[in-house]
Amino acid sequence: MDNLLVHAYKTYVRPLVEYKSVVWSPFNLQDIDAVDSVQRRFAKRLPGLGMCPYGVRLQRLNIQTLELRRLHSDLIWCYKIIFGLVDMDSCDFLLLALL
């Protein structure tokens, strides 16, 4: 049952929470907590995980933190801009330091 719920969460809920996070990327602590609270509440309500710390719950469910997933998404987007995989001029968005 838990596996089904985790799969449903990953399929239906997490994409909504992460939608266009590269564009609206939360940087205020209040905004980050509001987004992360969705995953915290989900993991806490699963049977047997309510009293576990958040990190332990994520490990048992094999789920990454939303903060880590946002960072991963940002890095992929930067890669795409730098190597011309998206129709954007990298000079408009990135300041590259030449050593």
N, C-alpha and C. Protein backbone atom coordinates (compact mmCIF):
# COMPACT_ATOMS: atom_id res chain seq x y z
N MET A 1 0.83 -1.20 0.00
CA MET A 1 0.00 0.00 0.00
C MET A 1 0.87 1.26 0.00
N ASP A 2 1.92 1.27 0.84
CA ASP A 2 2.79 2.45 0.90
C ASP A 2 3.46 2.70 -0.44
N ASN A 3 3.88 1.62 -1.10
CA ASN A 3 4.55 1.76 -2.38
C ASN A 3 3.60 2.39 -3.41
N LEU A 4 2.37 2.02 -3.38
CA LEU A 4 1.37 2.58 -4.29
C LEU A 4 1.17 4.07 -4.00
N LEU A 5 1.10 4.44 -2.73
CA LEU A 5 0.93 5.85 -2.37
C LEU A 5 2.14 6.68 -2.77
N VAL A 6 3.33 6.14 -2.56
CA VAL A 6 4.55 6.87 -2.94
C VAL A 6 4.59 7.04 -4.45
N HIS A 7 4.24 6.00 -5.18
CA HIS A 7 4.23 6.09 -6.65
C HIS A 7 3.18 7.13 -7.10
N ALA A 8 2.03 7.14 -6.48
CA ALA A 8 0.99 8.13 -6.81
C ALA A 8 1.47 9.54 -6.50
N TYR A 9 2.16 9.72 -5.36
CA TYR A 9 2.69 11.03 -4.99
C TYR A 9 3.70 11.49 -6.04
N LYS A 10 4.63 10.60 -6.41
CA LYS A 10 5.66 10.96 -7.38
C LYS A 10 5.05 11.26 -8.76
N THR A 11 3.96 10.59 -9.09
CA THR A 11 3.36 10.75 -10.41
C THR A 11 2.43 11.96 -10.50
N TYR A 12 1.64 12.20 -9.46
CA TYR A 12 0.59 13.21 -9.55
C TYR A 12 0.84 14.48 -8.75
N VAL A 13 1.48 14.38 -7.60
CA VAL A 13 1.63 15.56 -6.73
C VAL A 13 2.94 16.28 -6.97
N ARG A 14 4.05 15.54 -6.96
CA ARG A 14 5.36 16.18 -7.07
C ARG A 14 5.52 16.99 -8.36
N PRO A 15 5.04 16.53 -9.51
CA PRO A 15 5.16 17.38 -10.71
C PRO A 15 4.44 18.72 -10.57
N LEU A 16 3.34 18.75 -9.86
CA LEU A 16 2.64 20.02 -9.64
C LEU A 16 3.44 20.95 -8.73
N VAL A 17 4.08 20.38 -7.73
CA VAL A 17 4.88 21.18 -6.80
C VAL A 17 6.14 21.71 -7.48
N GLU A 18 6.70 20.93 -8.39
CA GLU A 18 7.95 21.31 -9.04
C GLU A 18 7.75 22.04 -10.36
N TYR A 19 6.52 22.23 -10.78
CA TYR A 19 6.24 22.81 -12.10
C TYR A 19 6.93 24.15 -12.28
N LYS A 20 7.75 24.25 -13.29
CA LYS A 20 8.47 25.48 -13.67
C LYS A 20 9.27 26.07 -12.51
N SER A 21 9.84 25.22 -11.68
CA SER A 21 10.61 25.72 -10.54
C SER A 21 11.85 26.49 -10.98
N VAL A 22 12.33 26.28 -12.19
CA VAL A 22 13.47 27.04 -12.69
C VAL A 22 13.08 28.51 -12.84
N VAL A 23 11.84 28.77 -13.19
CA VAL A 23 11.38 30.13 -13.42
C VAL A 23 11.03 30.82 -12.10
N TRP A 24 10.25 30.19 -11.27
CA TRP A 24 9.77 30.84 -10.05
C TRP A 24 10.56 30.43 -8.82
N SER A 25 11.65 29.75 -8.96
CA SER A 25 12.48 29.20 -7.90
C SER A 25 12.36 29.96 -6.58
N PRO A 26 11.78 29.33 -5.58
CA PRO A 26 11.61 30.02 -4.30
C PRO A 26 12.94 30.28 -3.62
N PHE A 27 13.13 31.51 -3.14
CA PHE A 27 14.36 31.84 -2.45
C PHE A 27 14.11 32.35 -1.04
N ASN A 28 12.90 32.79 -0.75
CA ASN A 28 12.55 33.16 0.62
C ASN A 28 12.32 31.89 1.44
N LEU A 29 12.78 31.90 2.67
CA LEU A 29 12.63 30.73 3.53
C LEU A 29 11.17 30.37 3.71
N GLN A 30 10.30 31.35 3.77
CA GLN A 30 8.86 31.12 3.93
C GLN A 30 8.30 30.38 2.71
N ASP A 31 8.73 30.78 1.52
CA ASP A 31 8.26 30.12 0.29
C ASP A 31 8.79 28.69 0.20
N ILE A 32 10.05 28.50 0.56
CA ILE A 32 10.66 27.16 0.53
C ILE A 32 9.93 26.24 1.49
N ASP A 33 9.65 26.73 2.69
CA ASP A 33 8.93 25.92 3.68
C ASP A 33 7.52 25.57 3.20
N ALA A 34 6.86 26.52 2.54
CA ALA A 34 5.51 26.26 2.06
C ALA A 34 5.50 25.16 1.00
N VAL A 35 6.47 25.18 0.10
CA VAL A 35 6.56 24.16 -0.94
C VAL A 35 6.95 22.81 -0.33
N ASP A 36 7.95 22.83 0.55
CA ASP A 36 8.43 21.58 1.15
C ASP A 36 7.42 20.96 2.12
N SER A 37 6.51 21.77 2.63
CA SER A 37 5.53 21.24 3.58
C SER A 37 4.61 20.21 2.93
N VAL A 38 4.43 20.31 1.63
CA VAL A 38 3.59 19.33 0.92
C VAL A 38 4.19 17.94 1.06
N GLN A 39 5.50 17.84 0.78
CA GLN A 39 6.16 16.54 0.87
C GLN A 39 6.30 16.08 2.32
N ARG A 40 6.55 17.02 3.22
CA ARG A 40 6.66 16.65 4.64
C ARG A 40 5.35 16.05 5.16
N ARG A 41 4.24 16.70 4.83
CA ARG A 41 2.94 16.20 5.28
C ARG A 41 2.61 14.84 4.68
N PHE A 42 2.93 14.66 3.40
CA PHE A 42 2.68 13.37 2.77
C PHE A 42 3.46 12.27 3.48
N ALA A 43 4.75 12.48 3.66
CA ALA A 43 5.60 11.45 4.26
C ALA A 43 5.23 11.16 5.70
N LYS A 44 4.77 12.18 6.40
CA LYS A 44 4.43 12.00 7.82
C LYS A 44 3.14 11.20 7.99
N ARG A 45 2.26 11.25 7.03
CA ARG A 45 0.96 10.58 7.16
C ARG A 45 0.97 9.13 6.73
N LEU A 46 2.08 8.65 6.23
CA LEU A 46 2.15 7.24 5.86
C LEU A 46 2.27 6.38 7.12
N PRO A 47 1.66 5.22 7.13
CA PRO A 47 1.70 4.36 8.32
C PRO A 47 3.12 3.98 8.70
N GLY A 48 3.43 4.16 9.99
CA GLY A 48 4.73 3.78 10.52
C GLY A 48 5.81 4.83 10.38
N LEU A 49 5.54 5.95 9.73
CA LEU A 49 6.56 6.97 9.52
C LEU A 49 6.26 8.27 10.25
N GLY A 50 5.14 8.36 10.92
CA GLY A 50 4.73 9.61 11.56
C GLY A 50 5.68 10.12 12.61
N MET A 51 6.35 9.24 13.33
CA MET A 51 7.22 9.67 14.42
C MET A 51 8.69 9.76 14.00
N CYS A 52 9.00 9.38 12.78
CA CYS A 52 10.39 9.42 12.30
C CYS A 52 10.76 10.84 11.87
N PRO A 53 12.04 11.20 12.01
CA PRO A 53 12.49 12.49 11.47
C PRO A 53 12.32 12.53 9.95
N TYR A 54 12.23 13.73 9.41
CA TYR A 54 11.97 13.92 7.99
C TYR A 54 13.01 13.22 7.12
N GLY A 55 14.28 13.33 7.46
CA GLY A 55 15.34 12.70 6.68
C GLY A 55 15.21 11.19 6.64
N VAL A 56 14.83 10.60 7.75
CA VAL A 56 14.65 9.15 7.81
C VAL A 56 13.46 8.73 6.95
N ARG A 57 12.39 9.51 7.01
CA ARG A 57 11.21 9.19 6.19
C ARG A 57 11.57 9.21 4.71
N LEU A 58 12.35 10.21 4.30
CA LEU A 58 12.73 10.30 2.89
C LEU A 58 13.61 9.12 2.48
N GLN A 59 14.51 8.72 3.36
CA GLN A 59 15.37 7.56 3.05
C GLN A 59 14.54 6.29 2.91
N ARG A 60 13.61 6.08 3.82
CA ARG A 60 12.78 4.87 3.75
C ARG A 60 11.89 4.84 2.52
N LEU A 61 11.46 6.01 2.08
CA LEU A 61 10.58 6.09 0.91
C LEU A 61 11.37 6.23 -0.39
N ASN A 62 12.69 6.40 -0.27
CA ASN A 62 13.56 6.59 -1.42
C ASN A 62 13.13 7.82 -2.24
N ILE A 63 12.95 8.94 -1.52
CA ILE A 63 12.54 10.20 -2.12
C ILE A 63 13.61 11.24 -1.80
N GLN A 64 13.94 12.08 -2.78
CA GLN A 64 14.88 13.18 -2.56
C GLN A 64 14.14 14.39 -2.01
N THR A 65 14.88 15.27 -1.33
CA THR A 65 14.27 16.50 -0.86
C THR A 65 13.89 17.36 -2.07
N LEU A 66 12.89 18.19 -1.92
CA LEU A 66 12.48 19.06 -3.02
C LEU A 66 13.56 20.09 -3.30
N GLU A 67 14.29 20.50 -2.28
CA GLU A 67 15.39 21.45 -2.47
C GLU A 67 16.47 20.86 -3.37
N LEU A 68 16.82 19.60 -3.15
CA LEU A 68 17.80 18.93 -3.99
C LEU A 68 17.28 18.78 -5.42
N ARG A 69 16.02 18.47 -5.57
CA ARG A 69 15.44 18.33 -6.91
C ARG A 69 15.41 19.68 -7.64
N ARG A 70 15.16 20.78 -6.92
CA ARG A 70 15.20 22.10 -7.55
C ARG A 70 16.62 22.44 -7.99
N LEU A 71 17.60 22.14 -7.16
CA LEU A 71 18.99 22.38 -7.52
C LEU A 71 19.38 21.58 -8.77
N HIS A 72 18.97 20.33 -8.81
CA HIS A 72 19.25 19.48 -9.97
C HIS A 72 18.62 20.06 -11.23
N SER A 73 17.39 20.50 -11.12
CA SER A 73 16.69 21.10 -12.25
C SER A 73 17.37 22.39 -12.71
N ASP A 74 17.81 23.22 -11.77
CA ASP A 74 18.53 24.45 -12.11
C ASP A 74 19.83 24.16 -12.84
N LEU A 75 20.56 23.15 -12.39
CA LEU A 75 21.83 22.79 -13.03
C LEU A 75 21.61 22.27 -14.45
N ILE A 76 20.58 21.49 -14.64
CA ILE A 76 20.26 21.00 -15.99
C ILE A 76 19.91 22.17 -16.90
N TRP A 77 19.14 23.12 -16.39
CA TRP A 77 18.75 24.27 -17.19
C TRP A 77 19.97 25.11 -17.56
N CYS A 78 20.89 25.31 -16.61
CA CYS A 78 22.13 26.06 -16.90
C CYS A 78 22.96 25.34 -17.97
N TYR A 79 23.05 24.04 -17.88
CA TYR A 79 23.76 23.25 -18.89
C TYR A 79 23.15 23.47 -20.27
N LYS A 80 21.84 23.43 -20.34
CA LYS A 80 21.16 23.61 -21.61
C LYS A 80 21.40 25.00 -22.19
N ILE A 81 21.44 26.02 -21.34
CA ILE A 81 21.70 27.38 -21.80
C ILE A 81 23.12 27.51 -22.30
N ILE A 82 24.08 27.02 -21.53
CA ILE A 82 25.49 27.17 -21.88
C ILE A 82 25.83 26.46 -23.19
N PHE A 83 25.29 25.28 -23.40
CA PHE A 83 25.62 24.51 -24.59
C PHE A 83 24.63 24.69 -25.75
N GLY A 84 23.78 25.69 -25.64
CA GLY A 84 22.91 26.06 -26.74
C GLY A 84 21.81 25.06 -27.05
N LEU A 85 21.36 24.33 -26.06
CA LEU A 85 20.30 23.35 -26.27
C LEU A 85 18.91 23.96 -26.16
N VAL A 86 18.84 25.22 -25.74
CA VAL A 86 17.58 25.97 -25.71
C VAL A 86 17.81 27.26 -26.49
N ASP A 87 16.75 27.83 -26.99
CA ASP A 87 16.85 29.03 -27.82
C ASP A 87 16.94 30.27 -26.93
N MET A 88 18.10 30.44 -26.29
CA MET A 88 18.36 31.60 -25.44
C MET A 88 19.80 32.02 -25.62
N ASP A 89 20.05 33.28 -25.43
CA ASP A 89 21.42 33.77 -25.46
C ASP A 89 21.97 33.69 -24.04
N SER A 90 23.02 32.94 -23.86
CA SER A 90 23.58 32.75 -22.51
C SER A 90 24.06 34.06 -21.90
N CYS A 91 24.43 35.02 -22.72
CA CYS A 91 24.89 36.31 -22.20
C CYS A 91 23.78 37.08 -21.51
N ASP A 92 22.54 36.83 -21.89
CA ASP A 92 21.41 37.52 -21.26
C ASP A 92 21.13 37.01 -19.86
N PHE A 93 21.53 35.78 -19.54
CA PHE A 93 21.15 35.17 -18.28
C PHE A 93 22.32 34.80 -17.38
N LEU A 94 23.48 34.61 -17.97
CA LEU A 94 24.61 34.13 -17.18
C LEU A 94 25.81 35.04 -17.36
N LEU A 95 26.53 35.27 -16.29
CA LEU A 95 27.78 36.01 -16.35
C LEU A 95 28.88 34.97 -16.17
N LEU A 96 29.60 34.70 -17.24
CA LEU A 96 30.64 33.69 -17.19
C LEU A 96 31.97 34.33 -16.82
N ALA A 97 32.64 33.78 -15.84
CA ALA A 97 33.93 34.28 -15.42
C ALA A 97 35.01 33.55 -16.20
N LEU A 98 35.84 34.30 -16.86
CA LEU A 98 36.96 33.72 -17.61
C LEU A 98 38.20 33.78 -16.74
N LEU A 99 38.86 32.65 -16.60
CA LEU A 99 40.06 32.59 -15.76
C LEU A 99 41.29 32.78 -16.60
